C-alpha atoms as a PDB file:
ATOM      1  CA  ILE A   1       5.990   3.801   1.736  1.00  0.00           C
ATOM      2  CA  THR A   2       4.566   5.533   4.203  1.00  0.00           C
ATOM      3  CA  SER A   3       6.944   5.160   7.624  1.00  0.00           C
ATOM      4  CA  VAL A   4      10.195   3.910   7.849  1.00  0.00           C
ATOM      5  CA  ASP A   5      11.011   2.511  10.898  1.00  0.00           C
ATOM      6  CA  PRO A   6       8.156   0.586  11.527  1.00  0.00           C
ATOM      7  CA  LEU A   7       7.781   0.554   7.873  1.00  0.00           C
ATOM      8  CA  ARG A   8       4.992   0.916   6.833  1.00  0.00           C
ATOM      9  CA  VAL A   9       3.248  -0.167   3.084  1.00  0.00           C
ATOM     10  CA  TYR A  10       0.020   1.283   0.852  1.00  0.00           C
ATOM     11  CA  ILE A  11      -0.760   0.095  -2.494  1.00  0.00           C
ATOM     12  CA  TYR A  12      -3.470   2.167  -4.412  1.00  0.00           C
ATOM     13  CA  LYS A  13      -6.206   0.244  -5.383  1.00  0.00           C
ATOM     14  CA  GLY A  14      -8.878   2.258  -7.125  1.00  0.00           C
ATOM     15  CA  ASP A  15      -7.066   1.597 -11.106  1.00  0.00           C
ATOM     16  CA  ILE A  16      -3.429  -0.110 -12.932  1.00  0.00           C
ATOM     17  CA  LEU A  17      -2.303   1.261 -15.695  1.00  0.00           C
ATOM     18  CA  PHE A  18      -1.621  -1.840 -18.493  1.00  0.00           C
ATOM     19  CA  ARG A  19      -0.072  -1.758 -20.952  1.00  0.00           C
ATOM     20  CA  TYR A  20      -0.532  -3.752 -24.327  1.00  0.00           C
ATOM     21  CA  CYS A  21       1.623  -4.512 -26.808  1.00  0.00           C
ATOM     22  CA  PRO A  22       1.404  -3.247 -29.724  1.00  0.00           C
ATOM     23  CA  VAL A  23       1.262  -6.027 -32.583  1.00  0.00           C
ATOM     24  CA  PRO A  24       0.496  -9.606 -31.167  1.00  0.00           C
ATOM     25  CA  TYR A  25       3.360 -10.780 -29.129  1.00  0.00           C
ATOM     26  CA  TYR A  26       2.135 -14.886 -30.391  1.00  0.00           C
ATOM     27  CA  PRO A  27       4.335 -15.785 -32.458  1.00  0.00           C
ATOM     28  CA  PHE A  28       6.976 -14.849 -31.211  1.00  0.00           C
ATOM     29  CA  ASN A  29       9.810 -13.151 -33.197  1.00  0.00           C
ATOM     30  CA  ALA A  30      12.577 -11.371 -31.097  1.00  0.00           C
ATOM     31  CA  SER A  31      13.653  -8.853 -34.328  1.00  0.00           C
ATOM     32  CA  ASP A  32      10.095  -7.158 -33.809  1.00  0.00           C
ATOM     33  CA  VAL A  33      10.200  -5.092 -31.222  1.00  0.00           C
ATOM     34  CA  ASP A  34       6.771  -4.042 -30.948  1.00  0.00           C
ATOM     35  CA  LYS A  35       6.189  -7.387 -30.018  1.00  0.00           C
ATOM     36  CA  TYR A  36       7.554  -6.018 -26.469  1.00  0.00           C
ATOM     37  CA  ILE A  37       5.701  -3.226 -24.239  1.00  0.00           C
ATOM     38  CA  VAL A  38       8.805  -0.128 -25.749  1.00  0.00           C
ATOM     39  CA  GLY A  39       8.430   3.471 -24.373  1.00  0.00           C
ATOM     40  CA  ASP A  40       4.859   5.162 -24.679  1.00  0.00           C
ATOM     41  CA  ASP A  41       3.991   3.692 -27.914  1.00  0.00           C
ATOM     42  CA  TYR A  42       2.157   0.651 -25.602  1.00  0.00           C
ATOM     43  CA  LEU A  43      -1.867  -0.278 -26.569  1.00  0.00           C
ATOM     44  CA  PRO A  44      -3.799   1.093 -24.184  1.00  0.00           C
ATOM     45  CA  THR A  45      -6.842  -0.566 -22.804  1.00  0.00           C
ATOM     46  CA  TRP A  46     -10.257   1.458 -25.146  1.00  0.00           C
ATOM     47  CA  GLU A  47      -8.065  -0.096 -28.240  1.00  0.00           C
ATOM     48  CA  VAL A  48      -7.886  -4.232 -26.994  1.00  0.00           C
ATOM     49  CA  PRO A  49     -10.302  -5.596 -28.731  1.00  0.00           C
ATOM     50  CA  SER A  50     -11.173  -8.129 -25.393  1.00  0.00           C
ATOM     51  CA  LEU A  51     -11.218  -4.864 -23.149  1.00  0.00           C
ATOM     52  CA  LYS A  52     -12.549  -1.757 -24.369  1.00  0.00           C
ATOM     53  CA  GLN A  53     -16.113  -2.767 -24.243  1.00  0.00           C
ATOM     54  CA  TYR A  54     -15.767  -2.969 -20.484  1.00  0.00           C
ATOM     55  CA  TYR A  55     -13.733   0.553 -20.671  1.00  0.00           C
ATOM     56  CA  THR A  56     -16.035   2.432 -23.014  1.00  0.00           C
ATOM     57  CA  LYS A  57     -19.416   1.369 -22.805  1.00  0.00           C
ATOM     58  CA  TYR A  58     -19.694   0.292 -18.735  1.00  0.00           C
ATOM     59  CA  GLY A  59     -17.517   2.497 -17.685  1.00  0.00           C
ATOM     60  CA  PHE A  60     -15.180   0.158 -15.704  1.00  0.00           C
ATOM     61  CA  GLY A  61     -10.729   1.266 -15.281  1.00  0.00           C
ATOM     62  CA  MET A  62      -8.557  -0.367 -16.596  1.00  0.00           C
ATOM     63  CA  LYS A  63      -8.747  -3.249 -13.820  1.00  0.00           C
ATOM     64  CA  ASP A  64     -12.103  -4.111 -13.452  1.00  0.00           C
ATOM     65  CA  SER A  65     -12.002  -4.138 -17.339  1.00  0.00           C
ATOM     66  CA  PHE A  66      -9.306  -6.703 -17.505  1.00  0.00           C
ATOM     67  CA  ASP A  67     -10.834  -8.386 -14.426  1.00  0.00           C
ATOM     68  CA  ALA A  68     -14.079  -9.490 -16.075  1.00  0.00           C
ATOM     69  CA  TYR A  69     -11.920  -9.777 -19.261  1.00  0.00           C
ATOM     70  CA  ILE A  70      -9.740 -13.131 -17.326  1.00  0.00           C
ATOM     71  CA  ARG A  71     -13.272 -13.903 -15.168  1.00  0.00           C
ATOM     72  CA  SER A  72     -14.962 -14.743 -18.353  1.00  0.00           C
ATOM     73  CA  THR A  73     -12.762 -16.930 -19.917  1.00  0.00           C
ATOM     74  CA  GLY A  74     -13.612 -19.252 -16.644  1.00  0.00           C
ATOM     75  CA  ARG A  75     -10.105 -17.332 -14.912  1.00  0.00           C
ATOM     76  CA  ASP A  76     -10.047 -15.351 -11.081  1.00  0.00           C
ATOM     77  CA  PRO A  77      -8.139 -12.249 -11.539  1.00  0.00           C
ATOM     78  CA  SER A  78      -7.738 -12.877  -7.535  1.00  0.00           C
ATOM     79  CA  THR A  79      -4.763 -14.570  -8.285  1.00  0.00           C
ATOM     80  CA  ILE A  80      -2.519 -12.257 -10.125  1.00  0.00           C
ATOM     81  CA  TRP A  81      -3.216  -9.329  -7.167  1.00  0.00           C
ATOM     82  CA  GLU A  82      -2.415 -11.204  -4.464  1.00  0.00           C
ATOM     83  CA  GLN A  83       0.894 -12.243  -6.787  1.00  0.00           C
ATOM     84  CA  VAL A  84       1.589  -8.895  -6.898  1.00  0.00           C
ATOM     85  CA  GLU A  85       1.783  -7.721  -3.201  1.00  0.00           C
ATOM     86  CA  ASP A  86       3.195 -10.203  -2.148  1.00  0.00           C
ATOM     87  CA  ALA A  87       5.833  -9.451  -4.960  1.00  0.00           C
ATOM     88  CA  ILE A  88       6.124  -5.875  -3.659  1.00  0.00           C
ATOM     89  CA  ARG A  89       5.710  -6.531   0.142  1.00  0.00           C
ATOM     90  CA  LEU A  90       8.440  -9.262  -0.171  1.00  0.00           C
ATOM     91  CA  LEU A  91      10.622  -6.668  -2.435  1.00  0.00           C
ATOM     92  CA  ILE A  92      10.250  -3.502   0.416  1.00  0.00           C
ATOM     93  CA  LEU A  93      11.197  -6.148   3.358  1.00  0.00           C
ATOM     94  CA  LYS A  94      13.971  -7.374   1.119  1.00  0.00           C
ATOM     95  CA  LYS A  95      15.482  -3.931   0.968  1.00  0.00           C
ATOM     96  CA  GLU A  96      13.882  -2.782   4.214  1.00  0.00           C
ATOM     97  CA  SER A  97      17.437  -2.405   5.879  1.00  0.00           C
ATOM     98  CA  LEU A  98      19.002  -0.490   3.353  1.00  0.00           C
ATOM     99  CA  LEU A  99      16.139   2.289   3.045  1.00  0.00           C
ATOM    100  CA  ALA A 100      16.380   2.212   7.305  1.00  0.00           C
ATOM    101  CA  GLY A 101      20.068   2.977   7.005  1.00  0.00           C
ATOM    102  CA  LEU A 102      19.503   5.675   4.944  1.00  0.00           C
ATOM    103  CA  LEU A 103      17.809   7.787   8.084  1.00  0.00           C
ATOM    104  CA  SER A 104      20.810   8.438   9.563  1.00  0.00           C
ATOM    105  CA  ARG A 105      21.651  11.166   7.153  1.00  0.00           C
ATOM    106  CA  TYR A 106      18.228  12.976   8.879  1.00  0.00           C
ATOM    107  CA  ALA A 107      17.762  15.014  11.569  1.00  0.00           C
ATOM    108  CA  TYR A 108      14.071  14.209  12.066  1.00  0.00           C
ATOM    109  CA  LYS A 109      12.985  10.616  11.076  1.00  0.00           C
ATOM    110  CA  ARG A 110       9.544  10.755  10.742  1.00  0.00           C
ATOM    111  CA  ASN A 111       8.536  13.199   8.689  1.00  0.00           C
ATOM    112  CA  PHE A 112       8.993  10.600   5.292  1.00  0.00           C
ATOM    113  CA  PHE A 113       6.790   9.015   2.252  1.00  0.00           C
ATOM    114  CA  GLU A 114       7.965   7.848  -1.155  1.00  0.00           C
ATOM    115  CA  MET A 115       5.959   6.716  -4.420  1.00  0.00           C
ATOM    116  CA  MET A 116       7.270   3.793  -6.393  1.00  0.00           C
ATOM    117  CA  ARG A 117       6.223   2.171  -9.180  1.00  0.00           C
ATOM    118  CA  PHE A 118       6.820  -1.958  -9.951  1.00  0.00           C
ATOM    119  CA  ASP A 119       6.864  -2.906 -13.663  1.00  0.00           C
ATOM    120  CA  LEU A 120       4.888  -6.650 -13.517  1.00  0.00           C
ATOM    121  CA  VAL A 121       4.451  -8.890 -16.621  1.00  0.00           C
ATOM    122  CA  VAL A 122       1.749 -11.481 -16.527  1.00  0.00           C
ATOM    123  CA  ASP A 123       2.005 -14.635 -18.832  1.00  0.00           C
ATOM    124  CA  ASN A 124      -1.126 -16.897 -19.642  1.00  0.00           C
ATOM    125  CA  LYS A 125      -0.987 -18.979 -16.837  1.00  0.00           C
ATOM    126  CA  LEU A 126      -1.220 -15.882 -14.398  1.00  0.00           C
ATOM    127  CA  LYS A 127       1.949 -16.023 -13.231  1.00  0.00           C
ATOM    128  CA  VAL A 128       3.428 -12.815 -12.393  1.00  0.00           C
ATOM    129  CA  TYR A 129       6.902 -11.938 -12.434  1.00  0.00           C
ATOM    130  CA  LEU A 130       8.155  -8.157 -11.169  1.00  0.00           C
ATOM    131  CA  MET A 131      10.194  -6.764 -13.666  1.00  0.00           C
ATOM    132  CA  GLU A 132      12.101  -3.547 -12.018  1.00  0.00           C
ATOM    133  CA  ALA A 133      11.286  -0.848  -9.418  1.00  0.00           C
ATOM    134  CA  ASN A 134      10.359   2.148 -10.310  1.00  0.00           C
ATOM    135  CA  MET A 135      11.520   5.609  -7.547  1.00  0.00           C
ATOM    136  CA  SER A 136       9.317   8.989  -8.441  1.00  0.00           C
ATOM    137  CA  PRO A 137       7.455   7.604 -11.169  1.00  0.00           C
ATOM    138  CA  ASN A 138       6.529  10.081 -14.764  1.00  0.00           C
ATOM    139  CA  LEU A 139       3.472  10.549 -13.948  1.00  0.00           C
ATOM    140  CA  SER A 140       3.101  12.095 -17.472  1.00  0.00           C
ATOM    141  CA  SER A 141      -0.432  11.964 -19.677  1.00  0.00           C
ATOM    142  CA  ALA A 142       1.228  13.891 -22.538  1.00  0.00           C
ATOM    143  CA  HIS A 143       0.703  10.480 -25.349  1.00  0.00           C
ATOM    144  CA  PHE A 144      -2.578   9.206 -23.296  1.00  0.00           C
ATOM    145  CA  LYS A 145      -4.843  11.614 -22.083  1.00  0.00           C
ATOM    146  CA  PRO A 146      -7.626   9.282 -20.596  1.00  0.00           C
ATOM    147  CA  ASN A 147      -4.621   8.163 -18.550  1.00  0.00           C
ATOM    148  CA  ARG A 148      -4.173  11.998 -16.305  1.00  0.00           C
ATOM    149  CA  LEU A 149      -7.756  10.812 -14.165  1.00  0.00           C
ATOM    150  CA  LEU A 150      -5.446   7.803 -12.769  1.00  0.00           C
ATOM    151  CA  TYR A 151      -2.922   9.620 -12.518  1.00  0.00           C
ATOM    152  CA  GLU A 152      -4.626  13.095 -10.076  1.00  0.00           C
ATOM    153  CA  GLN A 153      -6.485   9.978  -8.485  1.00  0.00           C
ATOM    154  CA  VAL A 154      -3.055   8.664  -7.083  1.00  0.00           C
ATOM    155  CA  ILE A 155      -0.925  11.634  -5.882  1.00  0.00           C
ATOM    156  CA  TYR A 156      -4.597  12.539  -4.422  1.00  0.00           C
ATOM    157  CA  ASN A 157      -4.836   9.303  -2.836  1.00  0.00           C
ATOM    158  CA  LEU A 158      -0.817   9.697  -2.458  1.00  0.00           C
ATOM    159  CA  PHE A 159      -1.566  12.904  -0.668  1.00  0.00           C
ATOM    160  CA  GLN A 160      -4.335  12.366   1.760  1.00  0.00           C
ATOM    161  CA  LEU A 161      -3.031   9.070   3.359  1.00  0.00           C
ATOM    162  CA  VAL A 162       0.086  10.966   4.412  1.00  0.00           C
ATOM    163  CA  GLY A 163      -1.546  14.079   5.723  1.00  0.00           C
ATOM    164  CA  VAL A 164       0.084  16.436   2.983  1.00  0.00           C
ATOM    165  CA  GLY A 165      -4.286  16.255   1.396  1.00  0.00           C
ATOM    166  CA  SER A 166      -6.088  16.933   4.820  1.00  0.00           C
ATOM    167  CA  SER A 167      -9.599  18.178   5.639  1.00  0.00           C
ATOM    168  CA  ILE A 168      -8.055  20.264   8.942  1.00  0.00           C
ATOM    169  CA  ARG A 169      -6.525  22.873   7.607  1.00  0.00           C
ATOM    170  CA  ARG A 170      -2.566  22.420   7.041  1.00  0.00           C
ATOM    171  CA  ASP A 171       0.467  24.098   5.347  1.00  0.00           C
ATOM    172  CA  SER A 172       3.354  21.694   6.481  1.00  0.00           C
ATOM    173  CA  PHE A 173       4.039  18.085   8.332  1.00  0.00           C
ATOM    174  CA  ARG A 174       4.641  20.817  11.987  1.00  0.00           C
ATOM    175  CA  LYS A 175       1.545  19.659  14.286  1.00  0.00           C
ATOM    176  CA  GLN A 176      -1.794  21.244  15.125  1.00  0.00           C
ATOM    177  CA  THR A 177      -2.431  22.830  19.109  1.00  0.00           C
ATOM    178  CA  PRO A 178      -3.293  20.554  20.667  1.00  0.00           C
ATOM    179  CA  ASP A 179      -6.140  20.490  20.751  1.00  0.00           C
ATOM    180  CA  THR A 180      -6.543  19.927  17.157  1.00  0.00           C
ATOM    181  CA  GLU A 181      -4.196  16.866  17.039  1.00  0.00           C
ATOM    182  CA  ALA A 182      -5.706  15.379  20.093  1.00  0.00           C
ATOM    183  CA  MET A 183      -9.010  15.830  18.327  1.00  0.00           C
ATOM    184  CA  LEU A 184      -7.761  14.297  14.888  1.00  0.00           C
ATOM    185  CA  THR A 185      -6.363  11.329  17.164  1.00  0.00           C
ATOM    186  CA  SER A 186      -6.378  10.790  20.888  1.00  0.00           C
ATOM    187  CA  LEU A 187      -5.514   7.878  23.291  1.00  0.00           C
ATOM    188  CA  LYS A 188      -9.293   6.707  23.185  1.00  0.00           C
ATOM    189  CA  ASN A 189      -8.313   6.101  18.948  1.00  0.00           C
ATOM    190  CA  LEU A 190      -5.107   4.179  19.894  1.00  0.00           C
ATOM    191  CA  ALA A 191      -5.971   1.670  22.676  1.00  0.00           C
ATOM    192  CA  THR A 192      -6.689  -1.954  22.328  1.00  0.00           C
ATOM    193  CA  ALA A 193      -7.373  -4.733  24.237  1.00  0.00           C
ATOM    194  CA  ALA A 194      -9.175  -3.749  26.447  1.00  0.00           C
ATOM    195  CA  ASN A 195      -9.724  -6.521  28.339  1.00  0.00           C
ATOM    196  CA  GLN A 196      -6.104  -8.123  28.296  1.00  0.00           C
ATOM    197  CA  CYS A 197      -4.512  -4.751  29.738  1.00  0.00           C
ATOM    198  CA  ALA A 198      -7.143  -4.695  32.529  1.00  0.00           C
ATOM    199  CA  GLU A 199      -6.814  -7.855  34.058  1.00  0.00           C
ATOM    200  CA  PRO A 200      -2.774  -9.442  35.653  1.00  0.00           C
ATOM    201  CA  PRO A 201      -0.017  -9.379  34.348  1.00  0.00           C
ATOM    202  CA  CYS A 202      -1.021  -6.294  32.687  1.00  0.00           C
ATOM    203  CA  THR A 203      -2.247  -4.575  35.666  1.00  0.00           C
ATOM    204  CA  GLU A 204       1.127  -4.784  37.377  1.00  0.00           C
ATOM    205  CA  SER A 205       4.066  -4.538  34.745  1.00  0.00           C
ATOM    206  CA  CYS A 206       4.718  -3.225  31.177  1.00  0.00           C
ATOM    207  CA  ALA A 207       7.453  -6.446  30.962  1.00  0.00           C
ATOM    208  CA  PRO A 208       5.266  -9.354  29.763  1.00  0.00           C
ATOM    209  CA  VAL A 209       5.116  -9.276  26.314  1.00  0.00           C
ATOM    210  CA  GLU A 210       1.191  -9.152  26.151  1.00  0.00           C
ATOM    211  CA  CYS A 211       0.589  -6.163  27.819  1.00  0.00           C
ATOM    212  CA  GLN A 212       2.897  -3.407  25.694  1.00  0.00           C
ATOM    213  CA  LEU A 213       0.329  -2.266  23.670  1.00  0.00           C
ATOM    214  CA  CYS A 214      -1.382  -1.657  26.784  1.00  0.00           C
ATOM    215  CA  SER A 215      -1.822   2.318  26.852  1.00  0.00           C
ATOM    216  CA  THR A 216      -0.459   2.475  30.224  1.00  0.00           C
ATOM    217  CA  CYS A 217       1.859   0.752  28.715  1.00  0.00           C
ATOM    218  CA  LEU A 218       3.320   3.158  25.777  1.00  0.00           C
ATOM    219  CA  GLU A 219       6.684   5.318  25.166  1.00  0.00           C
ATOM    220  CA  GLU A 220       6.085   8.635  23.532  1.00  0.00           C
ATOM    221  CA  THR A 221       8.076   7.083  20.104  1.00  0.00           C
ATOM    222  CA  ASP A 222       5.170   3.968  20.811  1.00  0.00           C
ATOM    223  CA  ARG A 223       1.887   5.920  20.627  1.00  0.00           C
ATOM    224  CA  ASP A 224       3.946   8.315  18.036  1.00  0.00           C
ATOM    225  CA  ASP A 225       4.086   5.230  15.440  1.00  0.00           C
ATOM    226  CA  LEU A 226       0.179   4.618  16.449  1.00  0.00           C
ATOM    227  CA  GLN A 227      -0.210   7.428  15.407  1.00  0.00           C
ATOM    228  CA  ARG A 228       0.346   8.089  12.274  1.00  0.00           C
ATOM    229  CA  ALA A 229      -0.532   4.745  11.756  1.00  0.00           C
ATOM    230  CA  TYR A 230      -4.048   5.570  12.818  1.00  0.00           C
ATOM    231  CA  ARG A 231      -4.701   8.321  10.734  1.00  0.00           C
ATOM    232  CA  GLU A 232      -3.106   6.867   7.610  1.00  0.00           C
ATOM    233  CA  HIS A 233      -6.107   4.137   8.509  1.00  0.00           C
ATOM    234  CA  MET A 234      -8.554   6.679   9.136  1.00  0.00           C
ATOM    235  CA  SER A 235      -7.584   8.515   5.521  1.00  0.00           C
ATOM    236  CA  ARG A 236      -6.390   5.710   2.890  1.00  0.00           C
ATOM    237  CA  GLY A 237      -9.388   5.894   0.562  1.00  0.00           C
ATOM    238  CA  ASP A 238      -8.748   4.158  -2.690  1.00  0.00           C
ATOM    239  CA  MET A 239      -5.437   2.915  -0.736  1.00  0.00           C
ATOM    240  CA  LYS A 240      -4.454  -0.682   0.457  1.00  0.00           C
ATOM    241  CA  ARG A 241      -2.461  -1.786   3.705  1.00  0.00           C
ATOM    242  CA  ILE A 242       0.050  -4.637   1.940  1.00  0.00           C
ATOM    243  CA  PHE A 243       2.660  -3.962   5.824  1.00  0.00           C
ATOM    244  CA  PRO A 244       1.764  -4.513   8.433  1.00  0.00           C
ATOM    245  CA  VAL A 245       0.476  -8.089   6.341  1.00  0.00           C
ATOM    246  CA  PRO A 246      -3.252  -7.911   6.312  1.00  0.00           C
ATOM    247  CA  LYS A 247      -4.436 -11.137   8.112  1.00  0.00           C
ATOM    248  CA  ALA A 248      -5.697 -12.983   5.913  1.00  0.00           C
ATOM    249  CA  ASP A 249      -2.156 -13.137   4.305  1.00  0.00           C
ATOM    250  CA  GLN A 250      -0.265 -13.027   7.343  1.00  0.00           C
ATOM    251  CA  GLU A 251       0.893 -16.926   5.991  1.00  0.00           C
ATOM    252  CA  ARG A 252       3.161 -15.535   3.274  1.00  0.00           C
ATOM    253  CA  ILE A 253       5.270 -13.511   6.023  1.00  0.00           C
ATOM    254  CA  ARG A 254       7.241 -14.631   9.049  1.00  0.00           C
ATOM    255  CA  TYR A 255       6.321 -13.461  11.746  1.00  0.00           C
ATOM    256  CA  GLU A 256       9.583 -14.022  13.401  1.00  0.00           C
ATOM    257  CA  SER A 257      12.039 -12.651  10.795  1.00  0.00           C
ATOM    258  CA  LEU A 258      10.706  -8.713  11.391  1.00  0.00           C
ATOM    259  CA  SER A 259      12.138  -6.643  13.561  1.00  0.00           C
ATOM    260  CA  ALA A 260      10.658  -5.456  16.984  1.00  0.00           C
ATOM    261  CA  LYS A 261       9.434  -1.910  15.719  1.00  0.00           C
ATOM    262  CA  ASN A 262       7.082  -4.340  12.540  1.00  0.00           C
ATOM    263  CA  GLN A 263       6.441  -6.954  15.603  1.00  0.00           C
ATOM    264  CA  PHE A 264       4.621  -4.629  17.282  1.00  0.00           C
ATOM    265  CA  MET A 265       3.349  -2.359  15.101  1.00  0.00           C
ATOM    266  CA  SER A 266       1.920  -5.908  13.011  1.00  0.00           C
ATOM    267  CA  LYS A 267       0.152  -6.663  16.659  1.00  0.00           C
ATOM    268  CA  TRP A 268      -1.699  -3.377  16.745  1.00  0.00           C
ATOM    269  CA  PHE A 269      -2.947  -3.843  13.758  1.00  0.00           C
ATOM    270  CA  GLU A 270      -4.484  -7.803  14.517  1.00  0.00           C
ATOM    271  CA  GLU A 271      -5.682  -6.049  17.428  1.00  0.00           C
ATOM    272  CA  LYS A 272      -7.438  -3.159  16.490  1.00  0.00           C
ATOM    273  CA  CYS A 273      -8.836  -6.373  13.367  1.00  0.00           C
ATOM    274  CA  LYS A 274     -10.496  -8.166  16.931  1.00  0.00           C
ATOM    275  CA  THR A 275     -12.900  -5.376  16.922  1.00  0.00           C
ATOM    276  CA  ASP A 276     -12.642  -3.210  13.871  1.00  0.00           C
ATOM    277  CA  GLN A 277     -13.223  -5.602  10.167  1.00  0.00           C
ATOM    278  CA  SER A 278     -11.296  -2.926   8.572  1.00  0.00           C
ATOM    279  CA  TYR A 279      -7.729  -3.008  10.611  1.00  0.00           C
ATOM    280  CA  CYS A 280      -8.473  -6.627   8.943  1.00  0.00           C
END
């Protein structure tokens, strides 16, 4: 979560940590705890017979190894990942008001990010169930050394996304000189809907809703929100935005139920998508 108000949410798409039961789950025996995935004593991908060739011999990650196996059975793994994104997105939207309520405790509400881990279970029909969401997840690879690369890449991509790590040397979230800030993100990077903004009614008034994104109508707080969204997009690396909702997934969210700020941010991404597919 890189911003609360307006809300922006990304997931790491470079890989996923898979945990498999230490002994076969079927037939199920509730008295045998090894049939569950408990603690660190799970079966890792590189020891699962149907997956280890992809992971060990061909060099794929855990997610790609799993996806390859699912495809080999004649099924489509994208079914799983659509459910995963929906589960994460809908849970955070459900808790959005509680998250926003916490902002009143802080003097400055924009220098914020939170990393979470979501634990999910997939059944043999590729149905996904959300088990829990964890704040400040454990990223220790002490038990399984090969997990270290995944954790390091998660942190690297997260810090790059939020601007802690940057190609421009910086010691904190504090702004750079005006010239450097303009070089990183200028008004032309935020401007959208050129034809619409250059014609009536937008040339006459900022009141119509379709004119809110015009650069001549942007308030300072709006411009700051868009600047941060733009920099996140440019620095996203292996992170994927799942809110505001990519255009292909918009039917899963009721637009009219979103806050005014979230509608504004969603509209900006939609307009940027019209000229640059990477925003879609």
